[in-house]
N, C-alpha and C. Protein backbone atom coordinates (compact mmCIF):
# COMPACT_ATOMS: atom_id res chain seq x y z
N MET A 1 16.21 -10.44 17.35
CA MET A 1 14.81 -10.16 16.90
C MET A 1 13.93 -9.09 16.75
N THR A 2 14.07 -7.44 17.39
CA THR A 2 14.05 -6.30 17.39
C THR A 2 14.20 -5.92 16.17
N ILE A 3 15.95 -5.91 15.85
CA ILE A 3 16.86 -5.19 14.45
C ILE A 3 16.19 -6.18 13.11
N THR A 4 16.00 -7.55 13.95
CA THR A 4 15.34 -8.02 12.40
C THR A 4 14.60 -7.17 11.74
N LEU A 5 13.60 -7.65 12.80
CA LEU A 5 11.96 -7.00 12.62
C LEU A 5 12.16 -5.54 11.79
N ALA A 6 13.12 -5.03 12.43
CA ALA A 6 13.00 -3.29 12.07
C ALA A 6 13.85 -3.52 10.15
N ILE A 7 14.74 -3.72 10.58
CA ILE A 7 15.13 -3.61 8.97
C ILE A 7 14.15 -4.20 7.86
N LEU A 8 13.43 -5.41 8.41
CA LEU A 8 12.39 -6.01 7.24
C LEU A 8 11.71 -5.15 7.31
N LEU A 9 10.74 -4.10 7.90
CA LEU A 9 10.08 -3.21 7.77
C LEU A 9 10.22 -2.33 7.46
N ILE A 10 11.54 -1.44 7.62
CA ILE A 10 12.34 -0.47 6.48
C ILE A 10 12.45 -1.12 4.80
N LEU A 11 12.91 -2.47 5.08
CA LEU A 11 13.28 -2.66 3.32
C LEU A 11 12.05 -2.91 2.47
N CYS A 12 11.17 -3.68 3.33
CA CYS A 12 10.02 -3.37 2.73
C CYS A 12 8.85 -2.38 2.58
N GLY A 13 8.98 -0.82 3.44
CA GLY A 13 8.46 0.07 3.20
C GLY A 13 9.04 0.65 2.03
N LEU A 14 10.10 0.53 1.83
CA LEU A 14 11.21 1.28 0.75
C LEU A 14 11.15 0.27 -0.74
N GLY A 15 10.04 -0.88 -0.67
CA GLY A 15 9.66 -1.34 -1.87
C GLY A 15 8.93 -0.97 -2.21
N ILE A 16 8.02 -0.93 -1.33
CA ILE A 16 6.70 -0.15 -1.21
C ILE A 16 6.14 1.04 -1.97
N MET A 17 7.26 1.82 -0.69
CA MET A 17 7.22 3.44 -1.36
C MET A 17 7.82 3.84 -3.11
N GLY A 18 8.64 3.24 -3.15
CA GLY A 18 9.60 3.32 -4.51
C GLY A 18 9.00 2.97 -5.15
N PHE A 19 8.02 1.57 -5.57
CA PHE A 19 7.80 0.99 -6.66
C PHE A 19 6.79 -0.08 -6.41
N GLY A 20 5.51 0.37 -5.61
CA GLY A 20 4.92 0.00 -5.39
C GLY A 20 3.77 -0.13 -6.87
N LEU A 21 3.93 0.92 -7.66
CA LEU A 21 2.75 0.55 -9.30
C LEU A 21 3.19 0.03 -10.07
N LEU A 22 4.92 -0.11 -10.09
CA LEU A 22 5.85 -1.24 -10.73
C LEU A 22 5.29 -2.52 -10.09
N MET A 23 5.63 -2.92 -9.44
CA MET A 23 5.05 -4.34 -8.71
C MET A 23 3.61 -4.73 -9.20
N PHE A 24 2.62 -3.39 -8.92
CA PHE A 24 1.42 -4.16 -9.11
C PHE A 24 1.27 -4.80 -10.55
N TYR A 25 2.44 -4.22 -12.01
CA TYR A 25 2.11 -4.50 -13.02
C TYR A 25 3.09 -5.28 -13.58
N ALA A 26 4.23 -5.79 -12.71
CA ALA A 26 5.22 -6.40 -13.51
C ALA A 26 5.21 -7.52 -12.38
N TRP A 27 4.49 -7.67 -11.24
CA TRP A 27 4.94 -9.02 -9.67
C TRP A 27 3.90 -8.72 -9.04
N LEU A 28 2.49 -9.01 -9.56
CA LEU A 28 1.23 -8.97 -8.53
C LEU A 28 1.39 -9.50 -7.17
N PRO A 29 1.64 -11.18 -7.51
CA PRO A 29 1.93 -11.49 -6.46
C PRO A 29 2.68 -10.96 -5.00
N LEU A 30 4.14 -10.61 -5.67
CA LEU A 30 5.06 -9.52 -4.71
C LEU A 30 4.10 -8.10 -4.30
N PHE A 31 3.33 -7.36 -4.72
CA PHE A 31 2.93 -6.43 -4.64
C PHE A 31 1.25 -6.64 -3.30
N TYR A 32 1.19 -7.77 -3.96
CA TYR A 32 -0.47 -7.98 -3.00
C TYR A 32 0.29 -8.54 -1.39
N GLY A 33 0.99 -9.59 -1.43
CA GLY A 33 2.37 -9.82 -0.27
C GLY A 33 3.05 -9.03 0.18
N LEU A 34 3.34 -7.73 -0.10
CA LEU A 34 3.61 -6.48 0.76
C LEU A 34 2.64 -5.81 1.53
N PHE A 35 1.57 -5.30 0.81
CA PHE A 35 0.52 -5.03 0.98
C PHE A 35 -0.32 -5.89 2.13
N GLY A 36 -0.40 -6.89 2.14
CA GLY A 36 -0.83 -7.67 3.08
C GLY A 36 -0.21 -8.05 4.10
N PHE A 37 1.49 -7.98 3.89
CA PHE A 37 2.27 -7.92 5.15
C PHE A 37 2.11 -6.30 6.21
N GLU A 38 2.03 -5.47 5.56
CA GLU A 38 2.12 -4.02 6.02
C GLU A 38 0.32 -4.16 6.60
N LEU A 39 -0.58 -4.33 5.82
CA LEU A 39 -1.55 -4.32 6.85
C LEU A 39 -2.02 -5.60 7.72
N GLY A 40 -1.26 -6.62 8.24
CA GLY A 40 -0.86 -7.54 9.20
C GLY A 40 -0.34 -6.43 10.23
N ILE A 41 0.96 -6.20 9.58
CA ILE A 41 1.59 -5.42 10.80
C ILE A 41 0.98 -4.17 11.62
N LEU A 42 0.12 -3.91 11.13
CA LEU A 42 -0.58 -2.14 11.47
C LEU A 42 -1.63 -2.63 12.08
N LEU A 43 -2.58 -3.74 12.01
CA LEU A 43 -3.97 -4.33 12.41
C LEU A 43 -3.51 -4.59 13.45
N GLY A 44 -1.92 -5.90 13.56
CA GLY A 44 -1.74 -6.52 14.52
C GLY A 44 -1.30 -5.16 15.82
N ARG A 45 -0.52 -4.36 15.69
CA ARG A 45 -0.48 -2.90 15.88
C ARG A 45 -1.19 -2.21 16.78
N TRP A 46 -2.31 -2.27 16.01
CA TRP A 46 -3.58 -1.52 16.51
C TRP A 46 -4.39 -2.38 17.72
N LEU A 47 -4.25 -3.65 17.53
CA LEU A 47 -4.69 -4.93 18.49
C LEU A 47 -4.50 -4.95 19.90
N MET A 48 -2.98 -4.89 19.71
CA MET A 48 -2.21 -4.92 20.49
C MET A 48 -1.46 -3.77 21.05
N GLY A 49 -1.13 -2.78 20.39
CA GLY A 49 -0.70 -1.77 20.92
C GLY A 49 0.84 -1.45 20.81
N GLU A 50 1.71 -3.15 19.99
CA GLU A 50 2.58 -2.42 19.65
C GLU A 50 2.70 -3.97 18.71
N ILE A 51 3.98 -3.90 18.53
CA ILE A 51 4.62 -4.97 17.27
C ILE A 51 5.44 -5.90 17.66
N GLY A 52 4.81 -7.10 17.95
CA GLY A 52 4.96 -8.05 18.54
C GLY A 52 4.57 -9.47 17.91
N VAL A 53 4.67 -10.26 18.93
CA VAL A 53 4.10 -12.08 17.73
C VAL A 53 2.72 -11.92 17.21
N VAL A 54 2.06 -11.45 17.74
CA VAL A 54 0.39 -11.20 16.75
C VAL A 54 0.48 -10.26 15.80
N ALA A 55 1.17 -8.77 15.89
CA ALA A 55 1.40 -8.40 14.55
C ALA A 55 2.28 -9.24 13.70
N ILE A 56 3.32 -9.52 14.21
CA ILE A 56 4.31 -10.32 13.28
C ILE A 56 3.19 -11.92 12.53
N THR A 57 2.81 -12.42 13.42
CA THR A 57 1.84 -13.08 12.95
C THR A 57 0.84 -13.30 11.69
N LEU A 58 0.02 -11.90 11.92
CA LEU A 58 -0.55 -11.89 11.33
C LEU A 58 -0.12 -10.85 9.65
N GLY A 59 0.92 -10.41 9.78
CA GLY A 59 1.70 -10.05 8.88
C GLY A 59 1.89 -11.14 7.89
N ILE A 60 2.42 -11.81 8.24
CA ILE A 60 3.01 -12.86 7.25
C ILE A 60 1.76 -14.08 7.19
N ALA A 61 1.12 -14.69 7.80
CA ALA A 61 -0.20 -14.99 7.33
C ALA A 61 -1.17 -14.00 6.26
N LEU A 62 -1.13 -12.71 6.48
CA LEU A 62 -1.83 -11.92 5.30
C LEU A 62 -1.26 -11.57 4.23
N ALA A 63 0.12 -11.58 4.22
CA ALA A 63 1.35 -11.92 2.74
C ALA A 63 1.12 -12.81 2.39
N VAL A 64 1.16 -14.15 2.96
CA VAL A 64 0.90 -15.18 2.00
C VAL A 64 -0.36 -15.33 1.73
N LEU A 65 -1.13 -15.14 2.63
CA LEU A 65 -2.66 -15.13 1.92
C LEU A 65 -2.99 -14.62 0.64
N ALA A 66 -2.43 -13.01 0.65
CA ALA A 66 -2.90 -12.58 -0.18
C ALA A 66 -1.84 -12.43 -1.71
N ALA A 67 -0.36 -12.74 -1.29
CA ALA A 67 0.29 -13.23 -2.89
C ALA A 67 -0.27 -14.61 -3.11
N GLY A 68 -0.77 -15.52 -2.21
CA GLY A 68 -1.51 -16.52 -3.06
C GLY A 68 -3.03 -16.80 -3.86
N VAL A 69 -3.61 -15.55 -3.73
CA VAL A 69 -4.65 -15.69 -4.26
C VAL A 69 -4.68 -14.60 -5.16
N ALA A 70 -3.10 -13.76 -5.51
CA ALA A 70 -3.44 -12.55 -6.45
C ALA A 70 -4.34 -12.31 -7.60
N TYR A 71 -3.81 -13.96 -8.60
CA TYR A 71 -4.13 -14.04 -10.09
C TYR A 71 -5.62 -14.24 -10.09
N TYR A 72 -6.32 -15.07 -8.61
CA TYR A 72 -7.50 -15.37 -8.60
C TYR A 72 -8.71 -14.13 -8.36
N LEU A 73 -7.98 -13.07 -7.72
CA LEU A 73 -8.85 -11.82 -7.70
C LEU A 73 -8.08 -10.93 -8.53
N GLU A 74 -7.64 -11.25 -9.86
CA GLU A 74 -7.39 -10.26 -10.53
C GLU A 74 -8.63 -9.48 -11.20
N HIS A 75 -9.97 -10.24 -11.31
CA HIS A 75 -10.84 -9.37 -11.96
C HIS A 75 -11.55 -8.14 -10.95
N TYR A 76 -11.04 -8.32 -9.53
CA TYR A 76 -11.91 -7.65 -8.36
C TYR A 76 -10.37 -6.78 -8.20
N ARG A 77 -9.18 -6.09 -9.40
CA ARG A 77 -8.10 -5.82 -8.33
C ARG A 77 -8.46 -4.33 -8.16
N ARG A 78 -9.27 -3.43 -9.05
CA ARG A 78 -9.65 -2.26 -8.73
C ARG A 78 -10.37 -2.19 -7.30
N VAL A 79 -11.33 -2.10 -6.55
CA VAL A 79 -12.17 -2.52 -5.74
C VAL A 79 -10.78 -2.86 -4.42
N LEU A 80 -10.57 -4.63 -4.47
CA LEU A 80 -9.90 -4.92 -3.72
C LEU A 80 -8.73 -3.98 -3.29
N VAL A 81 -7.51 -3.49 -3.99
CA VAL A 81 -6.20 -2.39 -3.92
C VAL A 81 -7.31 -1.23 -3.53
N GLY A 82 -8.07 -0.83 -4.17
CA GLY A 82 -8.80 0.59 -2.87
C GLY A 82 -9.25 0.00 -1.79
N PHE A 83 -9.93 -0.86 -1.63
CA PHE A 83 -10.51 -0.97 -0.44
C PHE A 83 -8.69 -1.03 0.81
N THR A 84 -8.41 -2.14 0.38
CA THR A 84 -7.14 -2.23 1.63
C THR A 84 -6.32 -1.43 1.48
N GLY A 85 -5.95 -0.58 0.21
CA GLY A 85 -5.11 1.05 0.43
C GLY A 85 -5.84 2.02 1.48
N GLY A 86 -7.21 1.77 1.03
CA GLY A 86 -7.68 2.72 2.00
C GLY A 86 -7.68 2.63 3.48
N VAL A 87 -7.93 0.98 4.01
CA VAL A 87 -7.77 0.68 5.38
C VAL A 87 -6.14 0.83 5.40
N VAL A 88 -4.94 0.52 4.65
CA VAL A 88 -3.57 0.93 4.80
C VAL A 88 -3.07 2.38 5.86
N ILE A 89 -3.77 3.25 4.82
CA ILE A 89 -3.44 4.44 4.92
C ILE A 89 -4.47 4.69 6.50
N VAL A 90 -5.63 4.04 6.66
CA VAL A 90 -6.19 4.76 7.34
C VAL A 90 -5.51 4.08 9.12
N LEU A 91 -5.30 2.70 8.64
CA LEU A 91 -4.44 2.11 10.08
C LEU A 91 -2.99 2.70 10.21
N ALA A 92 -2.33 3.49 9.34
CA ALA A 92 -1.06 4.00 9.17
C ALA A 92 -1.44 4.92 9.93
N ILE A 93 -2.43 6.13 9.34
CA ILE A 93 -2.40 7.25 10.36
C ILE A 93 -2.40 6.86 11.52
N LEU A 94 -3.08 6.37 11.84
CA LEU A 94 -3.70 5.83 13.88
C LEU A 94 -2.46 5.94 14.71
N SER A 95 -1.96 5.10 13.69
CA SER A 95 -0.71 4.42 14.55
C SER A 95 0.02 5.32 14.74
N LEU A 96 0.42 6.20 13.36
CA LEU A 96 1.93 7.08 13.66
C LEU A 96 0.95 7.85 14.66
N LEU A 97 -0.28 8.72 15.32
CA LEU A 97 -0.56 9.41 15.89
C LEU A 97 -0.56 9.28 17.21
N GLY A 98 -0.58 7.35 17.52
CA GLY A 98 -0.88 7.15 18.90
C GLY A 98 -1.91 7.20 19.11
N LEU A 99 -3.14 7.03 18.38
CA LEU A 99 -4.33 6.71 18.31
C LEU A 99 -4.66 5.81 19.12
N GLU A 100 -4.26 4.15 18.82
CA GLU A 100 -4.66 3.21 19.45
C GLU A 100 -4.44 3.14 20.95
N ARG A 101 -4.18 4.18 21.52
CA ARG A 101 -4.14 4.22 22.97
C ARG A 101 -5.22 5.08 23.57
N VAL A 102 -5.85 5.70 22.51
CA VAL A 102 -7.42 6.72 23.27
C VAL A 102 -8.65 6.20 22.67
N MET A 103 -8.63 5.36 21.22
CA MET A 103 -9.51 4.97 20.66
C MET A 103 -10.30 3.86 21.39
N THR A 104 -10.95 3.31 21.18
CA THR A 104 -11.34 1.76 21.02
C THR A 104 -11.38 0.95 20.13
N GLY A 105 -11.07 -0.27 20.18
CA GLY A 105 -10.73 -0.86 18.64
C GLY A 105 -11.87 -1.09 17.56
N PHE A 106 -13.46 -0.89 18.39
CA PHE A 106 -14.34 -0.78 17.57
C PHE A 106 -14.16 0.73 16.75
N ALA A 107 -14.13 1.51 17.48
CA ALA A 107 -13.80 3.07 16.22
C ALA A 107 -12.57 2.82 15.24
N GLY A 108 -11.66 1.92 16.00
CA GLY A 108 -10.40 1.90 15.15
C GLY A 108 -11.07 0.85 13.76
N ILE A 109 -11.72 0.31 14.00
CA ILE A 109 -12.34 -0.78 12.99
C ILE A 109 -13.17 -0.23 12.07
N ALA A 110 -14.23 0.86 12.68
CA ALA A 110 -14.98 1.61 11.78
C ALA A 110 -14.59 2.55 11.44
N LEU A 111 -13.32 2.83 11.89
CA LEU A 111 -12.77 4.37 10.54
C LEU A 111 -11.87 3.45 9.78
N ALA A 112 -11.22 2.53 9.75
CA ALA A 112 -10.23 1.73 8.80
C ALA A 112 -11.72 1.48 7.68
N ALA A 113 -12.60 0.54 8.27
CA ALA A 113 -13.82 0.48 6.97
C ALA A 113 -14.08 1.15 6.11
N ILE A 114 -14.34 2.75 7.24
CA ILE A 114 -14.82 3.51 5.95
C ILE A 114 -13.49 4.44 5.17
N GLY A 115 -12.52 4.24 5.72
CA GLY A 115 -10.93 4.37 4.66
C GLY A 115 -11.17 3.51 3.68
N GLY A 116 -11.02 2.54 4.06
CA GLY A 116 -12.07 1.18 2.93
C GLY A 116 -12.38 1.57 2.20
N VAL A 117 -13.56 1.45 1.85
CA VAL A 117 -14.57 2.00 1.05
C VAL A 117 -14.19 3.52 0.44
N LEU A 118 -13.77 4.44 1.03
CA LEU A 118 -13.40 5.57 0.28
C LEU A 118 -11.83 4.93 -0.96
N GLY A 119 -11.39 4.11 -0.26
CA GLY A 119 -10.12 3.93 -1.48
C GLY A 119 -10.70 3.48 -2.64
N ALA A 120 -11.88 1.98 -2.27
CA ALA A 120 -12.68 1.53 -3.31
C ALA A 120 -13.01 2.26 -4.18
N THR A 121 -13.87 3.30 -3.68
CA THR A 121 -14.47 4.44 -4.40
C THR A 121 -13.21 5.16 -5.71
N VAL A 122 -12.10 5.83 -4.76
CA VAL A 122 -11.78 6.77 -5.67
C VAL A 122 -10.86 5.84 -6.41
N ALA A 123 -9.79 4.29 -5.88
CA ALA A 123 -9.66 3.69 -7.07
C ALA A 123 -10.40 3.27 -8.22
N LEU A 124 -11.27 3.06 -8.23
CA LEU A 124 -12.14 2.71 -9.40
C LEU A 124 -12.71 4.20 -10.65
N LYS A 125 -12.21 5.14 -9.71
CA LYS A 125 -12.10 6.61 -11.22
C LYS A 125 -10.44 6.77 -11.49
N TYR A 126 -9.43 6.52 -10.54
CA TYR A 126 -8.03 6.97 -10.59
C TYR A 126 -6.97 5.92 -10.12
N PHE A 127 -7.63 4.99 -10.98
CA PHE A 127 -6.68 3.80 -10.47
C PHE A 127 -5.71 3.69 -10.18
N ASP A 128 -4.17 4.31 -11.26
CA ASP A 128 -2.60 3.72 -11.19
C ASP A 128 -2.86 5.23 -10.34
N LEU A 129 -3.44 6.72 -9.86
CA LEU A 129 -2.86 7.71 -9.09
C LEU A 129 -2.84 7.14 -7.71
N PHE A 130 -4.39 6.34 -7.62
CA PHE A 130 -4.59 5.93 -5.84
C PHE A 130 -3.44 4.41 -5.81
N ILE A 131 -2.64 3.68 -6.96
CA ILE A 131 -1.51 2.66 -6.18
C ILE A 131 -0.89 3.81 -6.32
N VAL A 132 -0.19 4.81 -6.75
CA VAL A 132 0.96 5.51 -6.37
C VAL A 132 0.83 6.26 -4.98
N ALA A 133 -0.11 6.96 -4.61
CA ALA A 133 -0.24 7.34 -3.52
C ALA A 133 -0.47 6.49 -2.20
N ALA A 134 -1.02 5.72 -2.37
CA ALA A 134 -1.25 4.50 -1.21
C ALA A 134 0.14 3.87 -1.07
N SER A 135 0.49 3.51 -2.27
CA SER A 135 2.01 2.96 -1.88
C SER A 135 2.84 3.47 -0.92
N SER A 136 3.01 5.10 -2.09
CA SER A 136 3.93 5.74 -0.95
C SER A 136 3.84 6.13 0.25
N PHE A 137 2.64 6.78 1.07
CA PHE A 137 2.56 6.91 1.65
C PHE A 137 2.40 5.73 2.92
N GLY A 138 1.98 4.37 2.42
CA GLY A 138 1.71 3.42 3.09
C GLY A 138 2.88 2.49 3.25
N GLY A 139 3.91 3.13 2.09
CA GLY A 139 5.44 2.34 2.40
C GLY A 139 6.39 3.29 3.50
N ALA A 140 5.81 4.37 3.22
CA ALA A 140 7.08 5.09 4.49
C ALA A 140 6.52 5.40 5.83
N ALA A 141 5.10 4.95 5.95
CA ALA A 141 4.88 4.67 7.23
C ALA A 141 5.53 3.44 8.20
N LEU A 142 5.32 2.41 7.09
CA LEU A 142 6.27 1.01 7.53
C LEU A 142 7.58 1.51 7.78
N ILE A 143 7.90 1.94 6.96
CA ILE A 143 9.84 2.84 7.37
C ILE A 143 9.46 3.53 8.15
N ILE A 144 9.16 4.40 8.55
CA ILE A 144 9.03 4.85 10.23
C ILE A 144 8.91 4.11 11.23
N THR A 145 7.66 3.39 10.71
CA THR A 145 7.43 2.16 12.32
C THR A 145 8.83 1.34 12.59
N GLY A 146 9.88 1.16 11.29
CA GLY A 146 10.85 0.29 11.47
C GLY A 146 11.55 0.87 12.25
N VAL A 147 12.07 2.30 11.82
CA VAL A 147 12.85 3.27 12.37
C VAL A 147 12.49 3.26 13.70
N GLN A 148 11.12 3.43 13.78
CA GLN A 148 11.50 3.55 15.62
C GLN A 148 11.21 2.12 16.15
N LEU A 149 11.01 1.27 15.99
CA LEU A 149 11.63 0.17 16.40
C LEU A 149 13.16 -0.06 17.27
N LEU A 150 13.90 1.01 16.44
CA LEU A 150 15.31 0.48 16.26
C LEU A 150 15.91 2.08 17.46
N LEU A 151 15.21 2.84 17.71
CA LEU A 151 15.40 3.85 18.72
C LEU A 151 15.92 2.96 20.20
N PRO A 152 17.02 3.97 20.26
CA PRO A 152 16.73 2.93 21.62
C PRO A 152 16.13 3.68 22.99
N THR A 153 15.32 4.45 22.89
CA THR A 153 14.02 5.12 23.93
C THR A 153 12.96 4.56 23.12
N PRO A 154 11.71 4.35 23.77
CA PRO A 154 11.02 4.69 23.63
C PRO A 154 9.85 5.24 22.15
N ALA A 155 8.99 4.72 21.74
CA ALA A 155 9.08 6.09 20.53
C ALA A 155 7.75 6.85 21.27
N ASP A 156 7.13 6.59 21.87
CA ASP A 156 6.43 7.68 23.25
C ASP A 156 7.35 8.53 23.34
N SER A 157 8.12 8.18 23.95
CA SER A 157 9.12 9.66 24.53
C SER A 157 9.27 11.24 23.31
N ILE A 158 9.42 10.51 22.07
CA ILE A 158 9.23 12.03 20.75
C ILE A 158 8.16 12.69 20.25
N GLY A 159 6.93 11.75 21.11
CA GLY A 159 5.78 12.16 20.40
C GLY A 159 5.56 11.63 19.06
N SER A 160 4.02 11.85 18.69
CA SER A 160 3.81 11.68 17.52
C SER A 160 3.31 12.72 16.64
N PHE A 161 3.80 14.10 16.43
CA PHE A 161 4.12 15.17 15.44
C PHE A 161 5.47 14.46 13.95
N LEU A 162 6.88 14.87 15.16
CA LEU A 162 7.74 13.61 14.34
C LEU A 162 7.46 12.92 13.49
N PRO A 163 7.36 11.77 14.13
CA PRO A 163 6.74 10.55 13.36
C PRO A 163 6.22 10.83 12.09
N ALA A 164 4.83 11.06 12.30
CA ALA A 164 3.63 11.87 11.43
C ALA A 164 4.52 12.64 10.46
N LEU A 165 5.69 13.55 10.46
CA LEU A 165 6.14 14.63 9.75
C LEU A 165 6.96 13.60 8.48
N LEU A 166 7.56 13.26 9.14
CA LEU A 166 8.56 12.25 8.63
C LEU A 166 8.41 11.49 7.76
N THR A 167 6.79 11.11 7.93
CA THR A 167 6.02 10.07 7.20
C THR A 167 5.51 10.70 5.72
N VAL A 168 5.32 11.72 6.35
CA VAL A 168 4.97 12.57 4.89
C VAL A 168 5.91 13.30 3.83
N ILE A 169 6.76 13.59 4.20
CA ILE A 169 8.34 14.36 3.56
C ILE A 169 8.45 12.52 2.86
N LEU A 170 8.81 11.65 3.30
CA LEU A 170 9.15 10.44 2.45
C LEU A 170 7.99 9.82 1.43
N GLY A 171 6.67 10.21 1.77
CA GLY A 171 5.85 9.58 1.41
C GLY A 171 5.21 10.75 -0.12
N VAL A 172 5.80 11.67 0.47
CA VAL A 172 5.65 12.97 -0.95
C VAL A 172 6.74 12.43 -1.75
N PHE A 173 8.26 12.30 -1.24
CA PHE A 173 9.63 11.79 -1.98
C PHE A 173 8.86 10.46 -2.64
N GLY A 174 8.26 9.95 -2.23
CA GLY A 174 7.95 8.33 -3.00
C GLY A 174 7.09 8.66 -4.09
N LEU A 175 6.10 9.44 -3.81
CA LEU A 175 5.35 9.90 -4.58
C LEU A 175 5.38 10.46 -6.11
N ARG A 176 6.33 11.35 -5.85
CA ARG A 176 6.85 12.10 -6.98
C ARG A 176 8.13 10.92 -7.40
N TRP A 177 8.30 10.10 -6.84
CA TRP A 177 9.39 9.41 -7.61
C TRP A 177 8.65 8.74 -8.73
N GLN A 178 7.39 8.03 -7.48
CA GLN A 178 6.43 7.08 -8.90
C GLN A 178 6.32 8.21 -10.21
N LEU A 179 5.40 9.22 -9.25
CA LEU A 179 5.14 9.46 -10.79
C LEU A 179 5.68 9.80 -11.86
N SER A 180 6.89 10.32 -11.33
CA SER A 180 7.66 10.54 -12.74
C SER A 180 7.97 9.06 -13.33
N ASN A 181 8.38 8.42 -13.21
CA ASN A 181 8.05 7.06 -13.95
C ASN A 181 6.96 6.19 -14.23
N ILE A 182 5.84 6.75 -14.30
CA ILE A 182 4.43 6.36 -13.76
C ILE A 182 4.28 5.81 -15.67
N SER A 183 4.84 6.76 -16.92
CA SER A 183 4.75 6.37 -18.08
C SER A 183 5.47 5.16 -18.80
N THR A 184 6.61 4.89 -17.80
CA THR A 184 7.20 3.91 -18.00
C THR A 184 6.86 2.27 -17.58
N TRP A 185 6.06 2.21 -16.14
CA TRP A 185 5.53 1.51 -15.43
C TRP A 185 4.31 1.10 -15.98
N VAL A 186 3.30 1.62 -16.57
CA VAL A 186 2.03 1.48 -16.83
C VAL A 186 1.74 1.24 -18.57
N PRO A 187 1.64 -0.27 -17.97
CA PRO A 187 1.47 -0.71 -19.50
C PRO A 187 0.41 0.12 -20.44
N GLU A 188 0.72 -0.19 -21.90
CA GLU A 188 0.02 1.08 -22.84
C GLU A 188 -1.36 -0.13 -23.31
N GLN A 189 -2.56 0.78 -22.66
CA GLN A 189 -3.73 0.20 -22.97
C GLN A 189 -3.74 0.29 -25.10
N PRO A 190 -4.18 -1.16 -24.79
CA PRO A 190 -4.53 -1.40 -26.72
C PRO A 190 -6.30 -0.20 -26.92
N LYS A 191 -5.34 0.36 -28.28
CA LYS A 191 -6.37 1.63 -28.48
C LYS A 191 -7.57 0.80 -29.56
N PRO A 192 -8.61 0.61 -30.01
CA PRO A 192 -9.41 0.54 -31.39
C PRO A 192 -8.83 1.34 -32.42
N ALA A 193 -8.36 0.31 -33.30
CA ALA A 193 -8.19 0.58 -34.71
C ALA A 193 -9.07 1.48 -35.21
N ASP A 194 -8.87 2.89 -35.96
CA ASP A 194 -9.15 3.69 -36.44
C ASP A 194 -10.04 3.41 -37.94
N PRO A 195 -10.87 3.41 -38.35
CA PRO A 195 -11.35 2.65 -39.89
C PRO A 195 -10.72 3.12 -41.01
N PHE A 196 -10.56 5.03 -40.82
CA PHE A 196 -10.53 6.04 -41.25
C PHE A 196 -9.16 6.33 -41.70
N SER A 197 -8.19 5.38 -40.73
CA SER A 197 -6.69 5.34 -40.85
C SER A 197 -6.16 3.98 -42.20
N ASN A 198 -6.94 3.43 -42.59
CA ASN A 198 -6.83 2.22 -42.86
C ASN A 198 -7.51 2.88 -44.34
N PRO A 199 -6.58 2.50 -45.45
CA PRO A 199 -7.47 2.57 -46.99
C PRO A 199 -8.34 2.17 -46.94
N SER A 200 -8.76 0.69 -46.77
CA SER A 200 -9.51 -0.54 -47.29
C SER A 200 -11.01 -0.14 -46.54
N GLY A 201 -10.69 0.54 -45.62
CA GLY A 201 -12.20 0.53 -44.75
C GLY A 201 -12.24 -0.04 -43.44
N LYS A 202 -11.09 -1.04 -43.30
CA LYS A 202 -11.68 -2.44 -42.71
C LYS A 202 -10.59 -2.62 -41.53
N HIS A 203 -11.42 -2.92 -40.46
CA HIS A 203 -11.37 -2.81 -38.70
C HIS A 203 -10.06 -3.89 -38.94
N VAL A 204 -9.05 -3.08 -37.94
CA VAL A 204 -7.81 -4.28 -37.71
C VAL A 204 -7.61 -4.45 -36.52
N ASP A 205 -7.62 -5.59 -35.87
CA ASP A 205 -7.27 -5.43 -34.32
C ASP A 205 -6.05 -6.40 -34.11
N LEU A 206 -4.99 -5.46 -33.71
CA LEU A 206 -3.80 -5.93 -34.23
C LEU A 206 -3.75 -6.92 -32.46
N ARG A 207 -4.56 -6.98 -31.65
CA ARG A 207 -4.43 -8.28 -30.48
C ARG A 207 -4.72 -9.14 -30.93
N ASN A 208 -5.41 -9.78 -31.83
CA ASN A 208 -5.68 -10.81 -32.19
C ASN A 208 -4.57 -11.85 -33.40
N HIS A 209 -3.69 -10.96 -33.12
CA HIS A 209 -2.53 -11.56 -34.15
C HIS A 209 -1.15 -11.74 -33.64
């Protein structure tokens, strides 16, 4: 069970880290589902101090819920993705540093909420870049979490510095990879026709044809 869960976390993390932006534009329910799964896993780990039945249940429940309502929330995608991404990043940092063992649940919830508000604010202005950053580092955190489950010794014995460092390294790799493909993954936004480019002076809107 532990090995299967670890492999699942690693695979989900790789998908989010490497193709978060592509999934958002090409497979929206999959993007929301994976982000919901990660949020549930991190939230369950924060609440229970481990990845057990509660974390897995929350992960599956939030994955199904997020994927199911993906298209219904399309009009609020910037705020929703920004808030969720901010919460995921904060919970991932707290979990990797082992702060859930020294901070109360309320403090963690407050920090996650602050991260969500900040994420939503940033996403409103730098939407694509925020998705790239949030998915890169969020996916990297999920990978390291899965790797920790495969360790023969408890993750606590190696401290919190090494997992955090590996997460940053993987996150930077994912960030560079997604940025190198951003021009081909992001669909071109329609631009208003230039009336001066038409000899007749008429505005032509190709989107209506």
